[in-house]
Amino acid sequence: MKVMEKTCVRVGYSQSRIPAQAASDLFDGIYHPDAALGVFFCSTELDLVTLGEELSKQFGDMPLIGCTSGAEITPAGYMQGAITGFSLAAPDFWAVSAPFRELNTFSIGEARHHVKLARQRLEDLAPPSDNASSFAFLLIDGLCRCEEVIVSALHSALDGVPLFGGSSGGDLNFETSQVYFDGAFHSDAALMVLIGTVHPFKLFTTDHFESSATKMVITEADPTVRVVTEI
Protein backbone atom coordinates (compact mmCIF):
# COMPACT_ATOMS: atom_id res chain seq x y z
CA MET A 1 0.00 0.00 0.00
CA LYS A 2 1.31 3.47 -0.86
CA VAL A 3 1.58 5.69 2.21
CA MET A 4 1.68 9.48 2.15
CA GLU A 5 4.69 10.37 4.28
CA LYS A 6 3.28 13.54 5.88
CA THR A 7 -0.26 12.45 6.68
CA CYS A 8 -1.31 12.12 10.32
CA VAL A 9 -3.96 9.50 9.47
CA ARG A 10 -3.01 6.27 7.72
CA VAL A 11 -5.18 3.33 6.69
CA GLY A 12 -4.41 -0.23 5.65
CA TYR A 13 -5.79 -3.74 5.34
CA SER A 14 -4.99 -7.33 4.41
CA GLN A 15 -6.99 -10.18 2.94
CA SER A 16 -4.38 -12.77 3.91
CA ARG A 17 -5.51 -15.56 6.23
CA ILE A 18 -1.88 -16.14 7.26
CA PRO A 19 -1.42 -14.22 10.57
CA ALA A 20 2.17 -13.18 9.91
CA GLN A 21 1.31 -11.83 6.46
CA ALA A 22 -1.85 -10.12 7.69
CA ALA A 23 0.08 -8.39 10.47
CA SER A 24 2.83 -7.37 8.05
CA ASP A 25 0.35 -5.93 5.56
CA LEU A 26 -1.44 -3.95 8.26
CA PHE A 27 1.89 -2.66 9.57
CA ASP A 28 2.92 -1.50 6.09
CA GLY A 29 -0.34 0.42 5.79
CA ILE A 30 -0.77 2.11 9.16
CA TYR A 31 2.61 2.29 10.89
CA HIS A 32 3.75 5.80 11.75
CA PRO A 33 6.85 6.57 13.86
CA ASP A 34 4.88 9.20 15.78
CA ALA A 35 1.63 7.25 16.05
CA ALA A 36 -0.48 8.11 19.07
CA LEU A 37 -2.78 5.17 18.37
CA GLY A 38 -3.37 2.33 15.93
CA VAL A 39 -6.78 0.66 15.65
CA PHE A 40 -7.79 -2.48 13.75
CA PHE A 41 -10.81 -4.73 13.17
CA CYS A 42 -10.35 -8.34 12.13
CA SER A 43 -12.28 -11.48 11.28
CA THR A 44 -12.47 -14.40 13.71
CA GLU A 45 -11.62 -16.62 10.75
CA LEU A 46 -8.00 -15.71 11.47
CA ASP A 47 -5.98 -17.57 14.12
CA LEU A 48 -6.35 -14.91 16.82
CA VAL A 49 -3.69 -16.22 19.18
CA THR A 50 -1.05 -16.26 16.45
CA LEU A 51 -2.31 -12.98 14.99
CA GLY A 52 -2.00 -11.30 18.37
CA GLU A 53 1.58 -12.49 18.67
CA GLU A 54 2.45 -11.33 15.15
CA LEU A 55 0.86 -7.91 15.66
CA SER A 56 2.80 -7.44 18.88
CA LYS A 57 5.99 -8.45 17.10
CA GLN A 58 5.37 -6.15 14.13
CA PHE A 59 4.22 -3.01 15.92
CA GLY A 60 6.48 -3.19 18.96
CA ASP A 61 5.98 -0.11 21.16
CA MET A 62 3.43 1.57 18.89
CA PRO A 63 0.09 1.76 20.77
CA LEU A 64 -2.24 -0.72 19.04
CA ILE A 65 -5.78 -1.75 19.93
CA GLY A 66 -8.49 -3.62 18.07
CA CYS A 67 -11.28 -6.13 18.15
CA THR A 68 -12.93 -8.90 16.19
CA SER A 69 -15.67 -7.95 13.74
CA GLY A 70 -18.62 -9.35 11.82
CA ALA A 71 -17.20 -7.98 8.58
CA GLU A 72 -14.61 -5.42 7.64
CA ILE A 73 -14.80 -2.03 5.90
CA THR A 74 -11.43 -1.66 4.19
CA PRO A 75 -9.84 1.00 1.93
CA ALA A 76 -10.72 -1.36 -0.93
CA GLY A 77 -14.35 -1.79 0.12
CA TYR A 78 -16.50 -4.12 2.19
CA MET A 79 -14.90 -7.51 2.93
CA GLN A 80 -15.22 -10.60 5.10
CA GLY A 81 -12.32 -12.59 6.49
CA ALA A 82 -9.94 -9.60 6.45
CA ILE A 83 -8.13 -7.24 8.79
CA THR A 84 -8.39 -3.47 8.41
CA GLY A 85 -7.21 -0.53 10.46
CA PHE A 86 -5.96 3.01 10.79
CA SER A 87 -3.53 5.08 12.83
CA LEU A 88 -3.59 8.60 14.26
CA ALA A 89 -0.29 10.39 14.73
CA ALA A 90 1.17 13.27 16.72
CA PRO A 91 1.22 16.22 16.78
CA ASP A 92 -2.35 16.20 15.45
CA PHE A 93 -3.58 13.52 17.85
CA TRP A 94 -2.70 12.19 21.29
CA ALA A 95 -4.31 9.29 23.13
CA VAL A 96 -4.40 7.34 26.38
CA SER A 97 -6.04 3.96 27.01
CA ALA A 98 -7.90 2.43 29.94
CA PRO A 99 -8.55 -1.35 29.80
CA PHE A 100 -11.32 -3.02 31.82
CA ARG A 101 -11.64 -6.69 32.76
CA GLU A 102 -14.31 -8.79 34.49
CA LEU A 103 -17.01 -6.60 33.02
CA ASN A 104 -19.92 -7.90 35.09
CA THR A 105 -18.36 -6.34 38.19
CA PHE A 106 -17.76 -2.94 36.54
CA SER A 107 -19.21 -0.04 38.55
CA ILE A 108 -19.86 3.68 38.24
CA GLY A 109 -17.16 4.29 40.84
CA GLU A 110 -14.63 2.34 38.78
CA ALA A 111 -15.66 4.27 35.66
CA ARG A 112 -15.10 7.61 37.38
CA HIS A 113 -11.71 6.47 38.66
CA HIS A 114 -10.47 5.35 35.24
CA VAL A 115 -11.85 8.39 33.43
CA LYS A 116 -10.22 10.77 35.93
CA LEU A 117 -6.85 9.07 35.49
CA ALA A 118 -7.19 9.07 31.70
CA ARG A 119 -8.00 12.78 31.59
CA GLN A 120 -5.00 13.56 33.78
CA ARG A 121 -2.72 11.48 31.57
CA LEU A 122 -4.11 13.11 28.43
CA GLU A 123 -3.42 16.59 29.82
CA ASP A 124 0.16 15.52 30.58
CA LEU A 125 0.66 14.72 26.88
CA ALA A 126 -0.67 17.96 25.42
CA PRO A 127 -2.05 21.40 26.31
CA PRO A 128 -5.17 21.29 28.53
CA SER A 129 -8.02 19.77 26.55
CA ASP A 130 -11.74 20.33 26.85
CA ASN A 131 -14.86 18.63 25.56
CA ALA A 132 -14.49 20.39 22.21
CA SER A 133 -11.02 18.95 21.55
CA SER A 134 -11.33 15.41 22.90
CA PHE A 135 -13.52 12.34 22.54
CA ALA A 136 -13.70 8.83 23.95
CA PHE A 137 -13.66 5.62 21.91
CA LEU A 138 -14.87 2.31 23.38
CA LEU A 139 -14.30 -1.27 22.25
CA ILE A 140 -16.11 -3.95 24.28
CA ASP A 141 -16.60 -7.72 24.16
CA GLY A 142 -19.84 -8.21 22.23
CA LEU A 143 -20.74 -11.31 24.24
CA CYS A 144 -20.38 -9.75 27.69
CA ARG A 145 -24.11 -8.90 27.80
CA CYS A 146 -23.52 -5.78 29.89
CA GLU A 147 -22.58 -3.16 27.30
CA GLU A 148 -25.38 -0.78 28.25
CA VAL A 149 -24.35 -0.69 31.92
CA ILE A 150 -20.73 0.05 31.07
CA VAL A 151 -21.55 2.66 28.43
CA SER A 152 -23.92 4.39 30.87
CA ALA A 153 -21.27 4.45 33.60
CA LEU A 154 -18.59 5.81 31.29
CA HIS A 155 -20.93 8.36 29.73
CA SER A 156 -21.74 9.73 33.19
CA ALA A 157 -18.08 9.79 34.24
CA LEU A 158 -16.94 11.53 31.04
CA ASP A 159 -19.16 14.51 31.93
CA GLY A 160 -19.86 15.73 28.42
CA VAL A 161 -16.88 14.31 26.52
CA PRO A 162 -18.39 12.61 23.43
CA LEU A 163 -18.31 8.81 23.60
CA PHE A 164 -18.68 6.40 20.70
CA GLY A 165 -17.61 2.90 19.74
CA GLY A 166 -19.17 -0.52 19.63
CA SER A 167 -19.23 -4.18 20.54
CA SER A 168 -16.74 -6.57 19.01
CA GLY A 169 -18.24 -9.05 16.55
CA GLY A 170 -17.66 -12.65 15.64
CA ASP A 171 -18.56 -13.20 11.99
CA LEU A 172 -22.20 -13.65 13.06
CA ASN A 173 -21.59 -17.02 14.71
CA PHE A 174 -21.86 -15.54 18.25
CA GLU A 175 -19.25 -17.96 19.58
CA THR A 176 -16.24 -15.71 20.09
CA SER A 177 -15.80 -11.98 20.39
CA GLN A 178 -12.56 -10.43 21.61
CA VAL A 179 -10.81 -7.14 22.22
CA TYR A 180 -7.09 -6.60 21.59
CA PHE A 181 -4.79 -4.59 23.85
CA ASP A 182 -1.43 -5.06 25.58
CA GLY A 183 -0.30 -7.31 22.72
CA ALA A 184 -3.02 -9.98 22.98
CA PHE A 185 -6.73 -10.70 22.47
CA HIS A 186 -9.00 -10.76 25.53
CA SER A 187 -12.54 -11.94 26.32
CA ASP A 188 -14.77 -10.39 29.00
CA ALA A 189 -12.86 -7.14 28.50
CA ALA A 190 -13.26 -3.62 27.19
CA LEU A 191 -10.99 -0.72 26.34
CA MET A 192 -11.73 2.99 26.48
CA VAL A 193 -9.40 5.37 24.65
CA LEU A 194 -9.47 9.09 25.36
CA ILE A 195 -8.26 10.99 22.29
CA GLY A 196 -7.33 14.64 21.96
CA THR A 197 -6.92 16.42 18.64
CA VAL A 198 -6.24 19.82 17.10
CA HIS A 199 -8.78 19.08 14.37
CA PRO A 200 -12.53 19.75 14.49
CA PHE A 201 -14.69 16.62 14.63
CA LYS A 202 -18.32 15.61 14.78
CA LEU A 203 -19.88 12.37 15.99
CA PHE A 204 -22.74 10.96 13.94
CA THR A 205 -24.85 7.81 13.77
CA THR A 206 -26.39 5.80 10.97
CA ASP A 207 -28.72 2.82 10.90
CA HIS A 208 -30.20 0.45 8.33
CA PHE A 209 -33.76 0.42 9.65
CA GLU A 210 -36.81 1.94 8.03
CA SER A 211 -39.85 2.83 10.10
CA SER A 212 -43.27 1.50 9.18
CA ALA A 213 -46.83 1.48 10.49
CA THR A 214 -46.53 -2.19 11.47
CA LYS A 215 -46.00 -2.74 15.19
CA MET A 216 -44.00 -5.71 16.47
CA VAL A 217 -44.45 -6.82 20.06
CA ILE A 218 -42.04 -9.19 21.77
CA THR A 219 -44.14 -11.66 23.75
CA GLU A 220 -41.45 -14.04 24.96
CA ALA A 221 -37.74 -13.49 25.58
CA ASP A 222 -34.83 -14.14 27.90
CA PRO A 223 -33.33 -10.68 28.56
CA THR A 224 -30.33 -12.08 30.46
CA VAL A 225 -29.00 -13.74 27.30
CA ARG A 226 -30.70 -11.34 24.86
CA VAL A 227 -32.68 -14.03 23.05
CA VAL A 228 -36.15 -13.36 21.63
CA THR A 229 -38.18 -16.54 21.18
CA GLU A 230 -41.55 -15.10 20.21
CA ILE A 231 -42.86 -12.01 18.42
C-alpha atoms as a PDB file:
ATOM      1  CA  MET A   1       0.000   0.000   0.000  1.00  0.00           C
ATOM      2  CA  LYS A   2       1.305   3.471  -0.856  1.00  0.00           C
ATOM      3  CA  VAL A   3       1.582   5.692   2.212  1.00  0.00           C
ATOM      4  CA  MET A   4       1.684   9.481   2.155  1.00  0.00           C
ATOM      5  CA  GLU A   5       4.687  10.372   4.282  1.00  0.00           C
ATOM      6  CA  LYS A   6       3.283  13.535   5.884  1.00  0.00           C
ATOM      7  CA  THR A   7      -0.264  12.450   6.679  1.00  0.00           C
ATOM      8  CA  CYS A   8      -1.306  12.118  10.320  1.00  0.00           C
ATOM      9  CA  VAL A   9      -3.957   9.497   9.469  1.00  0.00           C
ATOM     10  CA  ARG A  10      -3.007   6.268   7.721  1.00  0.00           C
ATOM     11  CA  VAL A  11      -5.183   3.326   6.692  1.00  0.00           C
ATOM     12  CA  GLY A  12      -4.411  -0.232   5.647  1.00  0.00           C
ATOM     13  CA  TYR A  13      -5.787  -3.739   5.344  1.00  0.00           C
ATOM     14  CA  SER A  14      -4.993  -7.331   4.413  1.00  0.00           C
ATOM     15  CA  GLN A  15      -6.991 -10.180   2.938  1.00  0.00           C
ATOM     16  CA  SER A  16      -4.385 -12.767   3.909  1.00  0.00           C
ATOM     17  CA  ARG A  17      -5.512 -15.562   6.232  1.00  0.00           C
ATOM     18  CA  ILE A  18      -1.882 -16.138   7.265  1.00  0.00           C
ATOM     19  CA  PRO A  19      -1.424 -14.224  10.569  1.00  0.00           C
ATOM     20  CA  ALA A  20       2.174 -13.181   9.907  1.00  0.00           C
ATOM     21  CA  GLN A  21       1.307 -11.825   6.458  1.00  0.00           C
ATOM     22  CA  ALA A  22      -1.850 -10.119   7.693  1.00  0.00           C
ATOM     23  CA  ALA A  23       0.082  -8.394  10.474  1.00  0.00           C
ATOM     24  CA  SER A  24       2.828  -7.369   8.054  1.00  0.00           C
ATOM     25  CA  ASP A  25       0.346  -5.932   5.557  1.00  0.00           C
ATOM     26  CA  LEU A  26      -1.439  -3.950   8.262  1.00  0.00           C
ATOM     27  CA  PHE A  27       1.887  -2.656   9.573  1.00  0.00           C
ATOM     28  CA  ASP A  28       2.917  -1.497   6.088  1.00  0.00           C
ATOM     29  CA  GLY A  29      -0.340   0.424   5.786  1.00  0.00           C
ATOM     30  CA  ILE A  30      -0.767   2.107   9.158  1.00  0.00           C
ATOM     31  CA  TYR A  31       2.612   2.285  10.892  1.00  0.00           C
ATOM     32  CA  HIS A  32       3.752   5.795  11.751  1.00  0.00           C
ATOM     33  CA  PRO A  33       6.850   6.571  13.857  1.00  0.00           C
ATOM     34  CA  ASP A  34       4.883   9.199  15.782  1.00  0.00           C
ATOM     35  CA  ALA A  35       1.634   7.253  16.050  1.00  0.00           C
ATOM     36  CA  ALA A  36      -0.484   8.110  19.066  1.00  0.00           C
ATOM     37  CA  LEU A  37      -2.784   5.170  18.370  1.00  0.00           C
ATOM     38  CA  GLY A  38      -3.368   2.332  15.933  1.00  0.00           C
ATOM     39  CA  VAL A  39      -6.780   0.661  15.651  1.00  0.00           C
ATOM     40  CA  PHE A  40      -7.795  -2.479  13.748  1.00  0.00           C
ATOM     41  CA  PHE A  41     -10.806  -4.727  13.175  1.00  0.00           C
ATOM     42  CA  CYS A  42     -10.352  -8.343  12.130  1.00  0.00           C
ATOM     43  CA  SER A  43     -12.276 -11.482  11.281  1.00  0.00           C
ATOM     44  CA  THR A  44     -12.465 -14.401  13.713  1.00  0.00           C
ATOM     45  CA  GLU A  45     -11.623 -16.617  10.747  1.00  0.00           C
ATOM     46  CA  LEU A  46      -7.997 -15.706  11.471  1.00  0.00           C
ATOM     47  CA  ASP A  47      -5.982 -17.567  14.118  1.00  0.00           C
ATOM     48  CA  LEU A  48      -6.352 -14.909  16.818  1.00  0.00           C
ATOM     49  CA  VAL A  49      -3.687 -16.223  19.176  1.00  0.00           C
ATOM     50  CA  THR A  50      -1.053 -16.255  16.453  1.00  0.00           C
ATOM     51  CA  LEU A  51      -2.315 -12.983  14.986  1.00  0.00           C
ATOM     52  CA  GLY A  52      -2.001 -11.302  18.367  1.00  0.00           C
ATOM     53  CA  GLU A  53       1.579 -12.490  18.668  1.00  0.00           C
ATOM     54  CA  GLU A  54       2.446 -11.334  15.153  1.00  0.00           C
ATOM     55  CA  LEU A  55       0.856  -7.912  15.661  1.00  0.00           C
ATOM     56  CA  SER A  56       2.797  -7.445  18.876  1.00  0.00           C
ATOM     57  CA  LYS A  57       5.986  -8.448  17.104  1.00  0.00           C
ATOM     58  CA  GLN A  58       5.368  -6.150  14.131  1.00  0.00           C
ATOM     59  CA  PHE A  59       4.215  -3.011  15.923  1.00  0.00           C
ATOM     60  CA  GLY A  60       6.478  -3.187  18.964  1.00  0.00           C
ATOM     61  CA  ASP A  61       5.982  -0.113  21.157  1.00  0.00           C
ATOM     62  CA  MET A  62       3.432   1.565  18.891  1.00  0.00           C
ATOM     63  CA  PRO A  63       0.088   1.764  20.770  1.00  0.00           C
ATOM     64  CA  LEU A  64      -2.236  -0.716  19.041  1.00  0.00           C
ATOM     65  CA  ILE A  65      -5.777  -1.745  19.935  1.00  0.00           C
ATOM     66  CA  GLY A  66      -8.489  -3.615  18.068  1.00  0.00           C
ATOM     67  CA  CYS A  67     -11.285  -6.128  18.152  1.00  0.00           C
ATOM     68  CA  THR A  68     -12.929  -8.897  16.189  1.00  0.00           C
ATOM     69  CA  SER A  69     -15.669  -7.952  13.737  1.00  0.00           C
ATOM     70  CA  GLY A  70     -18.617  -9.355  11.824  1.00  0.00           C
ATOM     71  CA  ALA A  71     -17.197  -7.983   8.575  1.00  0.00           C
ATOM     72  CA  GLU A  72     -14.610  -5.419   7.636  1.00  0.00           C
ATOM     73  CA  ILE A  73     -14.797  -2.026   5.901  1.00  0.00           C
ATOM     74  CA  THR A  74     -11.427  -1.658   4.187  1.00  0.00           C
ATOM     75  CA  PRO A  75      -9.844   0.999   1.934  1.00  0.00           C
ATOM     76  CA  ALA A  76     -10.724  -1.357  -0.933  1.00  0.00           C
ATOM     77  CA  GLY A  77     -14.352  -1.787   0.115  1.00  0.00           C
ATOM     78  CA  TYR A  78     -16.503  -4.122   2.189  1.00  0.00           C
ATOM     79  CA  MET A  79     -14.904  -7.515   2.928  1.00  0.00           C
ATOM     80  CA  GLN A  80     -15.221 -10.598   5.103  1.00  0.00           C
ATOM     81  CA  GLY A  81     -12.318 -12.588   6.487  1.00  0.00           C
ATOM     82  CA  ALA A  82      -9.939  -9.604   6.445  1.00  0.00           C
ATOM     83  CA  ILE A  83      -8.134  -7.244   8.794  1.00  0.00           C
ATOM     84  CA  THR A  84      -8.385  -3.471   8.409  1.00  0.00           C
ATOM     85  CA  GLY A  85      -7.210  -0.534  10.456  1.00  0.00           C
ATOM     86  CA  PHE A  86      -5.960   3.014  10.789  1.00  0.00           C
ATOM     87  CA  SER A  87      -3.533   5.081  12.829  1.00  0.00           C
ATOM     88  CA  LEU A  88      -3.593   8.605  14.264  1.00  0.00           C
ATOM     89  CA  ALA A  89      -0.287  10.394  14.732  1.00  0.00           C
ATOM     90  CA  ALA A  90       1.174  13.271  16.724  1.00  0.00           C
ATOM     91  CA  PRO A  91       1.224  16.217  16.784  1.00  0.00           C
ATOM     92  CA  ASP A  92      -2.350  16.196  15.455  1.00  0.00           C
ATOM     93  CA  PHE A  93      -3.577  13.516  17.851  1.00  0.00           C
ATOM     94  CA  TRP A  94      -2.700  12.192  21.288  1.00  0.00           C
ATOM     95  CA  ALA A  95      -4.312   9.294  23.129  1.00  0.00           C
ATOM     96  CA  VAL A  96      -4.401   7.341  26.385  1.00  0.00           C
ATOM     97  CA  SER A  97      -6.044   3.962  27.010  1.00  0.00           C
ATOM     98  CA  ALA A  98      -7.898   2.426  29.943  1.00  0.00           C
ATOM     99  CA  PRO A  99      -8.550  -1.350  29.795  1.00  0.00           C
ATOM    100  CA  PHE A 100     -11.323  -3.016  31.816  1.00  0.00           C
ATOM    101  CA  ARG A 101     -11.637  -6.691  32.764  1.00  0.00           C
ATOM    102  CA  GLU A 102     -14.315  -8.792  34.486  1.00  0.00           C
ATOM    103  CA  LEU A 103     -17.014  -6.595  33.017  1.00  0.00           C
ATOM    104  CA  ASN A 104     -19.919  -7.897  35.090  1.00  0.00           C
ATOM    105  CA  THR A 105     -18.362  -6.339  38.192  1.00  0.00           C
ATOM    106  CA  PHE A 106     -17.765  -2.943  36.540  1.00  0.00           C
ATOM    107  CA  SER A 107     -19.207  -0.039  38.549  1.00  0.00           C
ATOM    108  CA  ILE A 108     -19.856   3.678  38.241  1.00  0.00           C
ATOM    109  CA  GLY A 109     -17.156   4.288  40.839  1.00  0.00           C
ATOM    110  CA  GLU A 110     -14.635   2.340  38.777  1.00  0.00           C
ATOM    111  CA  ALA A 111     -15.663   4.272  35.663  1.00  0.00           C
ATOM    112  CA  ARG A 112     -15.101   7.609  37.377  1.00  0.00           C
ATOM    113  CA  HIS A 113     -11.707   6.474  38.656  1.00  0.00           C
ATOM    114  CA  HIS A 114     -10.473   5.352  35.239  1.00  0.00           C
ATOM    115  CA  VAL A 115     -11.847   8.392  33.429  1.00  0.00           C
ATOM    116  CA  LYS A 116     -10.224  10.766  35.935  1.00  0.00           C
ATOM    117  CA  LEU A 117      -6.848   9.074  35.487  1.00  0.00           C
ATOM    118  CA  ALA A 118      -7.193   9.070  31.696  1.00  0.00           C
ATOM    119  CA  ARG A 119      -7.999  12.783  31.594  1.00  0.00           C
ATOM    120  CA  GLN A 120      -4.999  13.564  33.780  1.00  0.00           C
ATOM    121  CA  ARG A 121      -2.718  11.475  31.568  1.00  0.00           C
ATOM    122  CA  LEU A 122      -4.109  13.108  28.428  1.00  0.00           C
ATOM    123  CA  GLU A 123      -3.421  16.585  29.817  1.00  0.00           C
ATOM    124  CA  ASP A 124       0.160  15.519  30.577  1.00  0.00           C
ATOM    125  CA  LEU A 125       0.662  14.717  26.883  1.00  0.00           C
ATOM    126  CA  ALA A 126      -0.671  17.961  25.424  1.00  0.00           C
ATOM    127  CA  PRO A 127      -2.048  21.403  26.308  1.00  0.00           C
ATOM    128  CA  PRO A 128      -5.169  21.286  28.527  1.00  0.00           C
ATOM    129  CA  SER A 129      -8.019  19.773  26.552  1.00  0.00           C
ATOM    130  CA  ASP A 130     -11.738  20.325  26.854  1.00  0.00           C
ATOM    131  CA  ASN A 131     -14.859  18.626  25.560  1.00  0.00           C
ATOM    132  CA  ALA A 132     -14.489  20.390  22.208  1.00  0.00           C
ATOM    133  CA  SER A 133     -11.020  18.952  21.554  1.00  0.00           C
ATOM    134  CA  SER A 134     -11.328  15.413  22.905  1.00  0.00           C
ATOM    135  CA  PHE A 135     -13.523  12.342  22.539  1.00  0.00           C
ATOM    136  CA  ALA A 136     -13.696   8.828  23.950  1.00  0.00           C
ATOM    137  CA  PHE A 137     -13.664   5.615  21.915  1.00  0.00           C
ATOM    138  CA  LEU A 138     -14.869   2.313  23.379  1.00  0.00           C
ATOM    139  CA  LEU A 139     -14.303  -1.273  22.254  1.00  0.00           C
ATOM    140  CA  ILE A 140     -16.110  -3.948  24.279  1.00  0.00           C
ATOM    141  CA  ASP A 141     -16.595  -7.716  24.159  1.00  0.00           C
ATOM    142  CA  GLY A 142     -19.837  -8.206  22.232  1.00  0.00           C
ATOM    143  CA  LEU A 143     -20.736 -11.309  24.237  1.00  0.00           C
ATOM    144  CA  CYS A 144     -20.379  -9.752  27.692  1.00  0.00           C
ATOM    145  CA  ARG A 145     -24.114  -8.896  27.804  1.00  0.00           C
ATOM    146  CA  CYS A 146     -23.515  -5.785  29.894  1.00  0.00           C
ATOM    147  CA  GLU A 147     -22.577  -3.164  27.295  1.00  0.00           C
ATOM    148  CA  GLU A 148     -25.382  -0.776  28.254  1.00  0.00           C
ATOM    149  CA  VAL A 149     -24.353  -0.691  31.924  1.00  0.00           C
ATOM    150  CA  ILE A 150     -20.726   0.047  31.070  1.00  0.00           C
ATOM    151  CA  VAL A 151     -21.551   2.659  28.429  1.00  0.00           C
ATOM    152  CA  SER A 152     -23.920   4.388  30.867  1.00  0.00           C
ATOM    153  CA  ALA A 153     -21.266   4.449  33.604  1.00  0.00           C
ATOM    154  CA  LEU A 154     -18.589   5.806  31.288  1.00  0.00           C
ATOM    155  CA  HIS A 155     -20.933   8.365  29.735  1.00  0.00           C
ATOM    156  CA  SER A 156     -21.741   9.725  33.190  1.00  0.00           C
ATOM    157  CA  ALA A 157     -18.077   9.794  34.244  1.00  0.00           C
ATOM    158  CA  LEU A 158     -16.945  11.531  31.043  1.00  0.00           C
ATOM    159  CA  ASP A 159     -19.158  14.505  31.925  1.00  0.00           C
ATOM    160  CA  GLY A 160     -19.857  15.732  28.420  1.00  0.00           C
ATOM    161  CA  VAL A 161     -16.880  14.313  26.525  1.00  0.00           C
ATOM    162  CA  PRO A 162     -18.385  12.615  23.428  1.00  0.00           C
ATOM    163  CA  LEU A 163     -18.313   8.811  23.603  1.00  0.00           C
ATOM    164  CA  PHE A 164     -18.681   6.402  20.699  1.00  0.00           C
ATOM    165  CA  GLY A 165     -17.614   2.896  19.738  1.00  0.00           C
ATOM    166  CA  GLY A 166     -19.171  -0.522  19.632  1.00  0.00           C
ATOM    167  CA  SER A 167     -19.234  -4.182  20.543  1.00  0.00           C
ATOM    168  CA  SER A 168     -16.739  -6.567  19.013  1.00  0.00           C
ATOM    169  CA  GLY A 169     -18.245  -9.048  16.546  1.00  0.00           C
ATOM    170  CA  GLY A 170     -17.661 -12.649  15.639  1.00  0.00           C
ATOM    171  CA  ASP A 171     -18.560 -13.204  11.987  1.00  0.00           C
ATOM    172  CA  LEU A 172     -22.202 -13.649  13.059  1.00  0.00           C
ATOM    173  CA  ASN A 173     -21.594 -17.024  14.708  1.00  0.00           C
ATOM    174  CA  PHE A 174     -21.861 -15.542  18.246  1.00  0.00           C
ATOM    175  CA  GLU A 175     -19.252 -17.965  19.584  1.00  0.00           C
ATOM    176  CA  THR A 176     -16.236 -15.709  20.088  1.00  0.00           C
ATOM    177  CA  SER A 177     -15.801 -11.979  20.394  1.00  0.00           C
ATOM    178  CA  GLN A 178     -12.564 -10.427  21.605  1.00  0.00           C
ATOM    179  CA  VAL A 179     -10.814  -7.138  22.224  1.00  0.00           C
ATOM    180  CA  TYR A 180      -7.091  -6.596  21.592  1.00  0.00           C
ATOM    181  CA  PHE A 181      -4.786  -4.588  23.846  1.00  0.00           C
ATOM    182  CA  ASP A 182      -1.428  -5.061  25.576  1.00  0.00           C
ATOM    183  CA  GLY A 183      -0.300  -7.306  22.718  1.00  0.00           C
ATOM    184  CA  ALA A 184      -3.024  -9.976  22.980  1.00  0.00           C
ATOM    185  CA  PHE A 185      -6.727 -10.698  22.465  1.00  0.00           C
ATOM    186  CA  HIS A 186      -9.005 -10.762  25.532  1.00  0.00           C
ATOM    187  CA  SER A 187     -12.541 -11.938  26.318  1.00  0.00           C
ATOM    188  CA  ASP A 188     -14.766 -10.388  28.999  1.00  0.00           C
ATOM    189  CA  ALA A 189     -12.860  -7.135  28.497  1.00  0.00           C
ATOM    190  CA  ALA A 190     -13.264  -3.616  27.191  1.00  0.00           C
ATOM    191  CA  LEU A 191     -10.993  -0.725  26.345  1.00  0.00           C
ATOM    192  CA  MET A 192     -11.725   2.986  26.480  1.00  0.00           C
ATOM    193  CA  VAL A 193      -9.401   5.374  24.653  1.00  0.00           C
ATOM    194  CA  LEU A 194      -9.471   9.088  25.358  1.00  0.00           C
ATOM    195  CA  ILE A 195      -8.256  10.990  22.291  1.00  0.00           C
ATOM    196  CA  GLY A 196      -7.331  14.641  21.961  1.00  0.00           C
ATOM    197  CA  THR A 197      -6.920  16.421  18.638  1.00  0.00           C
ATOM    198  CA  VAL A 198      -6.243  19.820  17.102  1.00  0.00           C
ATOM    199  CA  HIS A 199      -8.781  19.077  14.369  1.00  0.00           C
ATOM    200  CA  PRO A 200     -12.534  19.747  14.492  1.00  0.00           C
ATOM    201  CA  PHE A 201     -14.686  16.619  14.625  1.00  0.00           C
ATOM    202  CA  LYS A 202     -18.318  15.610  14.780  1.00  0.00           C
ATOM    203  CA  LEU A 203     -19.877  12.374  15.988  1.00  0.00           C
ATOM    204  CA  PHE A 204     -22.739  10.955  13.940  1.00  0.00           C
ATOM    205  CA  THR A 205     -24.847   7.814  13.769  1.00  0.00           C
ATOM    206  CA  THR A 206     -26.390   5.800  10.965  1.00  0.00           C
ATOM    207  CA  ASP A 207     -28.723   2.822  10.895  1.00  0.00           C
ATOM    208  CA  HIS A 208     -30.199   0.450   8.333  1.00  0.00           C
ATOM    209  CA  PHE A 209     -33.762   0.418   9.654  1.00  0.00           C
ATOM    210  CA  GLU A 210     -36.810   1.942   8.026  1.00  0.00           C
ATOM    211  CA  SER A 211     -39.849   2.826  10.100  1.00  0.00           C
ATOM    212  CA  SER A 212     -43.274   1.495   9.181  1.00  0.00           C
ATOM    213  CA  ALA A 213     -46.828   1.484  10.492  1.00  0.00           C
ATOM    214  CA  THR A 214     -46.533  -2.191  11.472  1.00  0.00           C
ATOM    215  CA  LYS A 215     -45.995  -2.742  15.187  1.00  0.00           C
ATOM    216  CA  MET A 216     -44.001  -5.709  16.470  1.00  0.00           C
ATOM    217  CA  VAL A 217     -44.446  -6.823  20.056  1.00  0.00           C
ATOM    218  CA  ILE A 218     -42.038  -9.190  21.768  1.00  0.00           C
ATOM    219  CA  THR A 219     -44.139 -11.665  23.746  1.00  0.00           C
ATOM    220  CA  GLU A 220     -41.448 -14.035  24.962  1.00  0.00           C
ATOM    221  CA  ALA A 221     -37.738 -13.485  25.581  1.00  0.00           C
ATOM    222  CA  ASP A 222     -34.827 -14.145  27.904  1.00  0.00           C
ATOM    223  CA  PRO A 223     -33.327 -10.680  28.558  1.00  0.00           C
ATOM    224  CA  THR A 224     -30.333 -12.085  30.457  1.00  0.00           C
ATOM    225  CA  VAL A 225     -29.002 -13.740  27.296  1.00  0.00           C
ATOM    226  CA  ARG A 226     -30.696 -11.339  24.858  1.00  0.00           C
ATOM    227  CA  VAL A 227     -32.677 -14.032  23.050  1.00  0.00           C
ATOM    228  CA  VAL A 228     -36.148 -13.358  21.627  1.00  0.00           C
ATOM    229  CA  THR A 229     -38.185 -16.543  21.179  1.00  0.00           C
ATOM    230  CA  GLU A 230     -41.552 -15.105  20.205  1.00  0.00           C
ATOM    231  CA  ILE A 231     -42.858 -12.006  18.420  1.00  0.00           C
END
